[in-house]
Amino acid sequence: MSDHAAVPPVPPASVVLVSGGSRGLGLAIVTDLLDRGLRVAAFARTVTPQLAKLAEAQPDRAYAGAVDVTDLSATQAFLREVEERLGPVDGLVNNAAVGQDSLHAHTATADVARIVSTNLTAPLQLTRLVVRRMLGRGLRGRIVNVTSICAQRGFPGLVAYSATKGGMDAATRSLARELGGRMLVNAVAPGFFASEMSAVLGPTQLDQIVRRTPTGHLTEPEEVVPVVRMLLCEQTNINGQVIVVDGAASV
């Protein structure tokens, strides 16, 4: 006999909040979800012209704001604005993060604190806010955490960053268990994007990673977006998982 009673399937998300949605992967996720007919709210420290254009073109389905994810009160206020404009949020993509390009012994205390605050504390707080509001309304939703292959493999110069992404992987598994099927909670762990590689790793290590990747190239945002969309919109039994998108470089 199962220890758990059958839980009805979690419906697709209809209103999705995306942190760090102004550029790169975040902007690609926002654009894709809007193209699929969802209502999408996105925020970042700075609203780029590209994100602003999306929001202006579709005011009934898109909303953007300049919010620092580490500012809890500002994040709460933005979430309330989103609900007033688009409706109750039933999907969350934790994408906002800051990188690192220093050996741990040379990383300033303030930089470690900034990385942990942005990449771990802030998404945990935002998730708590969204989950509490969904539970209070009796909603069932989807949560996708964008983590990194750095959580599973070691790379020099990325100790604090890797620690935060590993923390989010662990939180993904625990929250999925804690919510008991009322929401689907998963993570997507991309391999390195080219822009990150040039900032963190030297050409030798970059070449080594590309050579050991069976698909022969670094990860592109367009290769991650369909996985995020599936976890938000498709009927699956995927829950509490970390899905790696890196061309099997880490295998």
C-alpha atoms as a PDB file:
ATOM      1  CA  MET A   1       0.000   0.000   0.000  1.00  0.00           C
ATOM      2  CA  SER A   2       1.168   3.546  -0.753  1.00  0.00           C
ATOM      3  CA  ASP A   3       1.886   5.950   2.113  1.00  0.00           C
ATOM      4  CA  HIS A   4       0.256   8.762   0.148  1.00  0.00           C
ATOM      5  CA  ALA A   5      -3.268   9.192  -1.172  1.00  0.00           C
ATOM      6  CA  ALA A   6      -3.544   9.977  -4.879  1.00  0.00           C
ATOM      7  CA  VAL A   7      -3.300  13.710  -5.574  1.00  0.00           C
ATOM      8  CA  PRO A   8      -5.007  15.213  -8.646  1.00  0.00           C
ATOM      9  CA  PRO A   9      -2.625  16.449 -11.353  1.00  0.00           C
ATOM     10  CA  VAL A  10      -1.282  19.972 -10.912  1.00  0.00           C
ATOM     11  CA  PRO A  11      -2.732  22.179 -13.665  1.00  0.00           C
ATOM     12  CA  PRO A  12      -0.480  24.173 -15.995  1.00  0.00           C
ATOM     13  CA  ALA A  13       0.618  27.571 -14.747  1.00  0.00           C
ATOM     14  CA  SER A  14      -1.313  30.541 -16.105  1.00  0.00           C
ATOM     15  CA  VAL A  15       0.355  33.529 -14.391  1.00  0.00           C
ATOM     16  CA  VAL A  16       4.125  33.181 -14.063  1.00  0.00           C
ATOM     17  CA  LEU A  17       6.540  35.373 -12.126  1.00  0.00           C
ATOM     18  CA  VAL A  18      10.125  35.377 -13.435  1.00  0.00           C
ATOM     19  CA  SER A  19      12.990  36.886 -11.442  1.00  0.00           C
ATOM     20  CA  GLY A  20      15.994  38.121 -13.384  1.00  0.00           C
ATOM     21  CA  GLY A  21      13.869  38.391 -16.498  1.00  0.00           C
ATOM     22  CA  SER A  22      15.520  41.370 -18.192  1.00  0.00           C
ATOM     23  CA  ARG A  23      18.220  39.675 -20.265  1.00  0.00           C
ATOM     24  CA  GLY A  24      19.811  36.385 -21.263  1.00  0.00           C
ATOM     25  CA  LEU A  25      18.029  33.215 -20.202  1.00  0.00           C
ATOM     26  CA  GLY A  26      15.464  35.097 -18.122  1.00  0.00           C
ATOM     27  CA  LEU A  27      14.369  37.257 -21.059  1.00  0.00           C
ATOM     28  CA  ALA A  28      14.231  34.189 -23.302  1.00  0.00           C
ATOM     29  CA  ILE A  29      11.943  32.463 -20.775  1.00  0.00           C
ATOM     30  CA  VAL A  30       9.660  35.499 -20.541  1.00  0.00           C
ATOM     31  CA  THR A  31       9.438  35.797 -24.339  1.00  0.00           C
ATOM     32  CA  ASP A  32       8.679  32.109 -24.792  1.00  0.00           C
ATOM     33  CA  LEU A  33       5.944  32.031 -22.149  1.00  0.00           C
ATOM     34  CA  LEU A  34       4.265  35.094 -23.634  1.00  0.00           C
ATOM     35  CA  ASP A  35       4.419  33.471 -27.069  1.00  0.00           C
ATOM     36  CA  ARG A  36       2.623  30.454 -25.549  1.00  0.00           C
ATOM     37  CA  GLY A  37      -0.228  32.627 -24.310  1.00  0.00           C
ATOM     38  CA  LEU A  38       0.635  32.823 -20.600  1.00  0.00           C
ATOM     39  CA  ARG A  39       0.489  35.949 -18.488  1.00  0.00           C
ATOM     40  CA  VAL A  40       4.004  36.814 -17.343  1.00  0.00           C
ATOM     41  CA  ALA A  41       5.488  39.243 -14.838  1.00  0.00           C
ATOM     42  CA  ALA A  42       9.232  39.795 -14.759  1.00  0.00           C
ATOM     43  CA  PHE A  43      11.548  41.848 -12.651  1.00  0.00           C
ATOM     44  CA  ALA A  44      15.227  42.634 -12.361  1.00  0.00           C
ATOM     45  CA  ARG A  45      17.351  45.371 -10.866  1.00  0.00           C
ATOM     46  CA  THR A  46      17.100  47.180 -14.197  1.00  0.00           C
ATOM     47  CA  VAL A  47      14.364  46.817 -16.788  1.00  0.00           C
ATOM     48  CA  THR A  48      16.112  46.527 -20.145  1.00  0.00           C
ATOM     49  CA  PRO A  49      14.625  48.054 -23.299  1.00  0.00           C
ATOM     50  CA  GLN A  50      13.865  44.527 -24.557  1.00  0.00           C
ATOM     51  CA  LEU A  51      11.817  43.651 -21.478  1.00  0.00           C
ATOM     52  CA  ALA A  52      10.110  47.038 -21.434  1.00  0.00           C
ATOM     53  CA  LYS A  53       9.101  46.557 -25.079  1.00  0.00           C
ATOM     54  CA  LEU A  54       7.474  43.205 -24.287  1.00  0.00           C
ATOM     55  CA  ALA A  55       5.503  44.704 -21.401  1.00  0.00           C
ATOM     56  CA  GLU A  56       4.397  47.730 -23.425  1.00  0.00           C
ATOM     57  CA  ALA A  57       3.286  45.595 -26.374  1.00  0.00           C
ATOM     58  CA  GLN A  58       1.121  43.297 -24.258  1.00  0.00           C
ATOM     59  CA  PRO A  59      -0.050  45.261 -21.208  1.00  0.00           C
ATOM     60  CA  ASP A  60      -2.873  42.813 -20.513  1.00  0.00           C
ATOM     61  CA  ARG A  61      -0.507  39.814 -20.339  1.00  0.00           C
ATOM     62  CA  ALA A  62       2.920  41.194 -19.429  1.00  0.00           C
ATOM     63  CA  TYR A  63       4.197  43.329 -16.586  1.00  0.00           C
ATOM     64  CA  ALA A  64       7.751  44.376 -15.741  1.00  0.00           C
ATOM     65  CA  GLY A  65       9.352  46.117 -12.797  1.00  0.00           C
ATOM     66  CA  ALA A  66      12.726  47.289 -11.562  1.00  0.00           C
ATOM     67  CA  VAL A  67      13.124  45.390  -8.295  1.00  0.00           C
ATOM     68  CA  ASP A  68      16.190  44.103  -6.462  1.00  0.00           C
ATOM     69  CA  VAL A  69      15.463  40.488  -5.570  1.00  0.00           C
ATOM     70  CA  THR A  70      17.304  40.947  -2.252  1.00  0.00           C
ATOM     71  CA  ASP A  71      14.881  43.713  -1.206  1.00  0.00           C
ATOM     72  CA  LEU A  72      12.115  41.694   0.458  1.00  0.00           C
ATOM     73  CA  SER A  73       9.668  44.559   0.950  1.00  0.00           C
ATOM     74  CA  ALA A  74      10.047  45.695  -2.676  1.00  0.00           C
ATOM     75  CA  THR A  75       9.567  42.118  -3.849  1.00  0.00           C
ATOM     76  CA  GLN A  76       6.385  41.800  -1.769  1.00  0.00           C
ATOM     77  CA  ALA A  77       5.051  45.042  -3.192  1.00  0.00           C
ATOM     78  CA  PHE A  78       5.787  43.935  -6.758  1.00  0.00           C
ATOM     79  CA  LEU A  79       4.055  40.599  -6.195  1.00  0.00           C
ATOM     80  CA  ARG A  80       0.927  42.431  -5.028  1.00  0.00           C
ATOM     81  CA  GLU A  81       1.047  44.655  -8.127  1.00  0.00           C
ATOM     82  CA  VAL A  82       1.354  41.600 -10.345  1.00  0.00           C
ATOM     83  CA  GLU A  83      -1.704  39.993  -8.775  1.00  0.00           C
ATOM     84  CA  GLU A  84      -3.721  43.175  -9.249  1.00  0.00           C
ATOM     85  CA  ARG A  85      -2.758  43.456 -12.910  1.00  0.00           C
ATOM     86  CA  LEU A  86      -2.541  39.842 -14.091  1.00  0.00           C
ATOM     87  CA  GLY A  87      -4.246  37.714 -11.442  1.00  0.00           C
ATOM     88  CA  PRO A  88      -2.993  35.279  -8.790  1.00  0.00           C
ATOM     89  CA  VAL A  89       0.471  33.888  -9.476  1.00  0.00           C
ATOM     90  CA  ASP A  90       0.544  30.107  -9.895  1.00  0.00           C
ATOM     91  CA  GLY A  91       3.976  29.766 -11.493  1.00  0.00           C
ATOM     92  CA  LEU A  92       7.416  30.937 -10.347  1.00  0.00           C
ATOM     93  CA  VAL A  93      10.798  30.874 -12.074  1.00  0.00           C
ATOM     94  CA  ASN A  94      13.692  31.710  -9.750  1.00  0.00           C
ATOM     95  CA  ASN A  95      16.269  32.862 -12.280  1.00  0.00           C
ATOM     96  CA  ALA A  96      17.908  35.963 -10.761  1.00  0.00           C
ATOM     97  CA  ALA A  97      21.523  35.383  -9.749  1.00  0.00           C
ATOM     98  CA  VAL A  98      24.940  36.980  -9.639  1.00  0.00           C
ATOM     99  CA  GLY A  99      28.118  35.245 -10.752  1.00  0.00           C
ATOM    100  CA  GLN A 100      31.609  34.949  -9.368  1.00  0.00           C
ATOM    101  CA  ASP A 101      35.054  35.085 -10.936  1.00  0.00           C
ATOM    102  CA  SER A 102      37.483  34.881  -8.031  1.00  0.00           C
ATOM    103  CA  LEU A 103      39.315  32.147  -6.188  1.00  0.00           C
ATOM    104  CA  HIS A 104      37.709  31.536  -2.809  1.00  0.00           C
ATOM    105  CA  ALA A 105      40.800  32.617  -0.887  1.00  0.00           C
ATOM    106  CA  HIS A 106      40.674  35.956  -2.699  1.00  0.00           C
ATOM    107  CA  THR A 107      36.914  36.543  -2.483  1.00  0.00           C
ATOM    108  CA  ALA A 108      35.994  39.406  -0.171  1.00  0.00           C
ATOM    109  CA  THR A 109      33.638  38.746   2.711  1.00  0.00           C
ATOM    110  CA  ALA A 110      31.170  41.258   1.284  1.00  0.00           C
ATOM    111  CA  ASP A 111      31.201  39.458  -2.065  1.00  0.00           C
ATOM    112  CA  VAL A 112      30.469  36.099  -0.448  1.00  0.00           C
ATOM    113  CA  ALA A 113      27.559  37.691   1.419  1.00  0.00           C
ATOM    114  CA  ARG A 114      26.252  39.306  -1.779  1.00  0.00           C
ATOM    115  CA  ILE A 115      26.366  36.019  -3.708  1.00  0.00           C
ATOM    116  CA  VAL A 116      24.614  34.084  -0.938  1.00  0.00           C
ATOM    117  CA  SER A 117      22.008  36.791  -0.434  1.00  0.00           C
ATOM    118  CA  THR A 118      21.151  37.055  -4.134  1.00  0.00           C
ATOM    119  CA  ASN A 119      21.417  33.419  -5.213  1.00  0.00           C
ATOM    120  CA  LEU A 120      20.140  31.557  -2.149  1.00  0.00           C
ATOM    121  CA  THR A 121      18.443  33.708   0.488  1.00  0.00           C
ATOM    122  CA  ALA A 122      16.434  35.829  -1.966  1.00  0.00           C
ATOM    123  CA  PRO A 123      14.935  32.956  -4.002  1.00  0.00           C
ATOM    124  CA  LEU A 124      14.066  31.087  -0.815  1.00  0.00           C
ATOM    125  CA  GLN A 125      12.266  34.187   0.464  1.00  0.00           C
ATOM    126  CA  LEU A 126      10.494  34.776  -2.843  1.00  0.00           C
ATOM    127  CA  THR A 127       9.422  31.142  -3.023  1.00  0.00           C
ATOM    128  CA  ARG A 128       8.040  31.358   0.512  1.00  0.00           C
ATOM    129  CA  LEU A 129       6.025  34.456  -0.415  1.00  0.00           C
ATOM    130  CA  VAL A 130       4.570  32.866  -3.545  1.00  0.00           C
ATOM    131  CA  VAL A 131       3.839  29.499  -1.919  1.00  0.00           C
ATOM    132  CA  ARG A 132       2.084  31.110   1.049  1.00  0.00           C
ATOM    133  CA  ARG A 133      -0.152  33.161  -1.246  1.00  0.00           C
ATOM    134  CA  MET A 134      -0.961  30.134  -3.398  1.00  0.00           C
ATOM    135  CA  LEU A 135      -1.813  27.990  -0.393  1.00  0.00           C
ATOM    136  CA  GLY A 136      -3.927  30.783   1.070  1.00  0.00           C
ATOM    137  CA  ARG A 137      -5.988  30.874  -2.129  1.00  0.00           C
ATOM    138  CA  GLY A 138      -6.182  27.116  -2.486  1.00  0.00           C
ATOM    139  CA  LEU A 139      -4.109  27.259  -5.675  1.00  0.00           C
ATOM    140  CA  ARG A 140      -1.854  24.516  -6.969  1.00  0.00           C
ATOM    141  CA  GLY A 141       1.131  25.647  -8.993  1.00  0.00           C
ATOM    142  CA  ARG A 142       4.563  25.121 -10.453  1.00  0.00           C
ATOM    143  CA  ILE A 143       7.984  26.292  -9.268  1.00  0.00           C
ATOM    144  CA  VAL A 144      11.145  26.116 -11.380  1.00  0.00           C
ATOM    145  CA  ASN A 145      14.535  26.990  -9.911  1.00  0.00           C
ATOM    146  CA  VAL A 146      17.291  27.793 -12.385  1.00  0.00           C
ATOM    147  CA  THR A 147      20.451  26.415 -10.824  1.00  0.00           C
ATOM    148  CA  SER A 148      23.693  25.335 -12.509  1.00  0.00           C
ATOM    149  CA  ILE A 149      25.910  22.417 -13.360  1.00  0.00           C
ATOM    150  CA  CYS A 150      28.326  24.080 -10.911  1.00  0.00           C
ATOM    151  CA  ALA A 151      26.216  22.606  -8.104  1.00  0.00           C
ATOM    152  CA  GLN A 152      27.223  19.126  -9.226  1.00  0.00           C
ATOM    153  CA  ARG A 153      30.736  19.548 -10.597  1.00  0.00           C
ATOM    154  CA  GLY A 154      33.660  21.535  -9.274  1.00  0.00           C
ATOM    155  CA  PHE A 155      35.045  24.581 -11.073  1.00  0.00           C
ATOM    156  CA  PRO A 156      37.771  26.879  -9.711  1.00  0.00           C
ATOM    157  CA  GLY A 157      36.731  30.463  -9.091  1.00  0.00           C
ATOM    158  CA  LEU A 158      33.117  29.511  -8.377  1.00  0.00           C
ATOM    159  CA  VAL A 159      33.078  28.231  -4.797  1.00  0.00           C
ATOM    160  CA  ALA A 160      30.456  30.571  -3.321  1.00  0.00           C
ATOM    161  CA  TYR A 161      28.377  30.527  -6.501  1.00  0.00           C
ATOM    162  CA  SER A 162      28.410  26.720  -6.588  1.00  0.00           C
ATOM    163  CA  ALA A 163      27.414  26.560  -2.926  1.00  0.00           C
ATOM    164  CA  THR A 164      24.337  28.701  -3.545  1.00  0.00           C
ATOM    165  CA  LYS A 165      23.255  26.668  -6.556  1.00  0.00           C
ATOM    166  CA  GLY A 166      23.754  23.433  -4.624  1.00  0.00           C
ATOM    167  CA  GLY A 167      21.596  24.894  -1.876  1.00  0.00           C
ATOM    168  CA  MET A 168      18.806  25.593  -4.343  1.00  0.00           C
ATOM    169  CA  ASP A 169      19.029  22.046  -5.714  1.00  0.00           C
ATOM    170  CA  ALA A 170      18.610  20.720  -2.171  1.00  0.00           C
ATOM    171  CA  ALA A 171      15.761  23.132  -1.452  1.00  0.00           C
ATOM    172  CA  THR A 172      14.010  21.941  -4.624  1.00  0.00           C
ATOM    173  CA  ARG A 173      13.947  18.355  -3.411  1.00  0.00           C
ATOM    174  CA  SER A 174      12.844  19.222   0.122  1.00  0.00           C
ATOM    175  CA  LEU A 175      10.096  21.622  -0.944  1.00  0.00           C
ATOM    176  CA  ALA A 176       8.689  19.058  -3.370  1.00  0.00           C
ATOM    177  CA  ARG A 177       8.388  16.602  -0.476  1.00  0.00           C
ATOM    178  CA  GLU A 178       7.043  19.251   1.881  1.00  0.00           C
ATOM    179  CA  LEU A 179       4.246  20.329  -0.450  1.00  0.00           C
ATOM    180  CA  GLY A 180       3.039  16.767  -0.908  1.00  0.00           C
ATOM    181  CA  GLY A 181       2.120  17.060  -4.579  1.00  0.00           C
ATOM    182  CA  ARG A 182       0.050  20.219  -4.199  1.00  0.00           C
ATOM    183  CA  MET A 183       2.697  21.961  -6.315  1.00  0.00           C
ATOM    184  CA  LEU A 184       5.380  20.685  -8.653  1.00  0.00           C
ATOM    185  CA  VAL A 185       8.839  21.929  -7.692  1.00  0.00           C
ATOM    186  CA  ASN A 186      11.801  21.294  -9.973  1.00  0.00           C
ATOM    187  CA  ALA A 187      15.140  22.757 -10.979  1.00  0.00           C
ATOM    188  CA  VAL A 188      16.887  23.187 -14.305  1.00  0.00           C
ATOM    189  CA  ALA A 189      20.681  23.110 -14.189  1.00  0.00           C
ATOM    190  CA  PRO A 190      22.206  24.531 -17.376  1.00  0.00           C
ATOM    191  CA  GLY A 191      25.794  24.010 -18.384  1.00  0.00           C
ATOM    192  CA  PHE A 192      27.926  27.089 -18.835  1.00  0.00           C
ATOM    193  CA  PHE A 193      26.778  29.728 -21.264  1.00  0.00           C
ATOM    194  CA  ALA A 194      29.503  31.251 -23.426  1.00  0.00           C
ATOM    195  CA  SER A 195      29.320  34.642 -21.711  1.00  0.00           C
ATOM    196  CA  GLU A 196      29.881  33.084 -18.284  1.00  0.00           C
ATOM    197  CA  MET A 197      32.772  30.986 -19.523  1.00  0.00           C
ATOM    198  CA  SER A 198      34.728  33.926 -20.856  1.00  0.00           C
ATOM    199  CA  ALA A 199      34.423  35.723 -17.521  1.00  0.00           C
ATOM    200  CA  VAL A 200      35.319  32.833 -15.238  1.00  0.00           C
ATOM    201  CA  LEU A 201      37.367  30.192 -17.004  1.00  0.00           C
ATOM    202  CA  GLY A 202      40.514  30.505 -19.043  1.00  0.00           C
ATOM    203  CA  PRO A 203      40.723  29.347 -22.665  1.00  0.00           C
ATOM    204  CA  THR A 204      42.381  26.052 -21.694  1.00  0.00           C
ATOM    205  CA  GLN A 205      39.571  24.957 -19.392  1.00  0.00           C
ATOM    206  CA  LEU A 206      36.993  26.282 -21.842  1.00  0.00           C
ATOM    207  CA  ASP A 207      38.460  24.143 -24.619  1.00  0.00           C
ATOM    208  CA  GLN A 208      38.534  21.109 -22.329  1.00  0.00           C
ATOM    209  CA  ILE A 209      34.842  21.455 -21.496  1.00  0.00           C
ATOM    210  CA  VAL A 210      33.846  21.890 -25.128  1.00  0.00           C
ATOM    211  CA  ARG A 211      35.943  18.852 -26.147  1.00  0.00           C
ATOM    212  CA  ARG A 212      34.358  16.634 -23.512  1.00  0.00           C
ATOM    213  CA  THR A 213      30.815  17.706 -24.465  1.00  0.00           C
ATOM    214  CA  PRO A 214      29.322  15.108 -26.828  1.00  0.00           C
ATOM    215  CA  THR A 215      27.185  17.718 -28.567  1.00  0.00           C
ATOM    216  CA  GLY A 216      30.322  19.793 -29.191  1.00  0.00           C
ATOM    217  CA  HIS A 217      29.083  23.170 -27.995  1.00  0.00           C
ATOM    218  CA  LEU A 218      28.285  25.172 -24.895  1.00  0.00           C
ATOM    219  CA  THR A 219      24.738  25.550 -23.606  1.00  0.00           C
ATOM    220  CA  GLU A 220      22.482  28.092 -25.305  1.00  0.00           C
ATOM    221  CA  PRO A 221      19.440  29.735 -23.665  1.00  0.00           C
ATOM    222  CA  GLU A 222      17.224  28.352 -26.447  1.00  0.00           C
ATOM    223  CA  GLU A 223      18.132  24.839 -25.289  1.00  0.00           C
ATOM    224  CA  VAL A 224      17.032  25.509 -21.707  1.00  0.00           C
ATOM    225  CA  VAL A 225      13.795  27.372 -22.413  1.00  0.00           C
ATOM    226  CA  PRO A 226      11.809  24.312 -23.631  1.00  0.00           C
ATOM    227  CA  VAL A 227      12.618  22.462 -20.401  1.00  0.00           C
ATOM    228  CA  VAL A 228      11.394  25.371 -18.271  1.00  0.00           C
ATOM    229  CA  ARG A 229       8.247  25.579 -20.386  1.00  0.00           C
ATOM    230  CA  MET A 230       7.593  21.862 -19.974  1.00  0.00           C
ATOM    231  CA  LEU A 231       7.927  22.047 -16.204  1.00  0.00           C
ATOM    232  CA  LEU A 232       5.509  24.986 -16.066  1.00  0.00           C
ATOM    233  CA  CYS A 233       2.965  23.933 -18.643  1.00  0.00           C
ATOM    234  CA  GLU A 234       3.015  20.236 -19.486  1.00  0.00           C
ATOM    235  CA  GLN A 235       1.268  17.423 -17.660  1.00  0.00           C
ATOM    236  CA  THR A 236       4.126  15.406 -16.176  1.00  0.00           C
ATOM    237  CA  ASN A 237       4.886  13.488 -13.009  1.00  0.00           C
ATOM    238  CA  ILE A 238       8.233  15.259 -12.680  1.00  0.00           C
ATOM    239  CA  ASN A 239       8.643  16.612  -9.153  1.00  0.00           C
ATOM    240  CA  GLY A 240      11.637  17.317  -6.949  1.00  0.00           C
ATOM    241  CA  GLN A 241      14.077  16.811  -9.820  1.00  0.00           C
ATOM    242  CA  VAL A 242      17.131  18.664 -11.106  1.00  0.00           C
ATOM    243  CA  ILE A 243      17.249  18.433 -14.893  1.00  0.00           C
ATOM    244  CA  VAL A 244      20.702  19.051 -16.353  1.00  0.00           C
ATOM    245  CA  VAL A 245      20.993  20.696 -19.764  1.00  0.00           C
ATOM    246  CA  ASP A 246      24.653  20.590 -20.746  1.00  0.00           C
ATOM    247  CA  GLY A 247      25.004  18.281 -23.730  1.00  0.00           C
ATOM    248  CA  ALA A 248      26.239  15.470 -21.437  1.00  0.00           C
ATOM    249  CA  ALA A 249      29.424  17.352 -20.568  1.00  0.00           C
ATOM    250  CA  SER A 250      28.983  16.314 -16.949  1.00  0.00           C
ATOM    251  CA  VAL A 251      28.271  12.655 -17.636  1.00  0.00           C
END
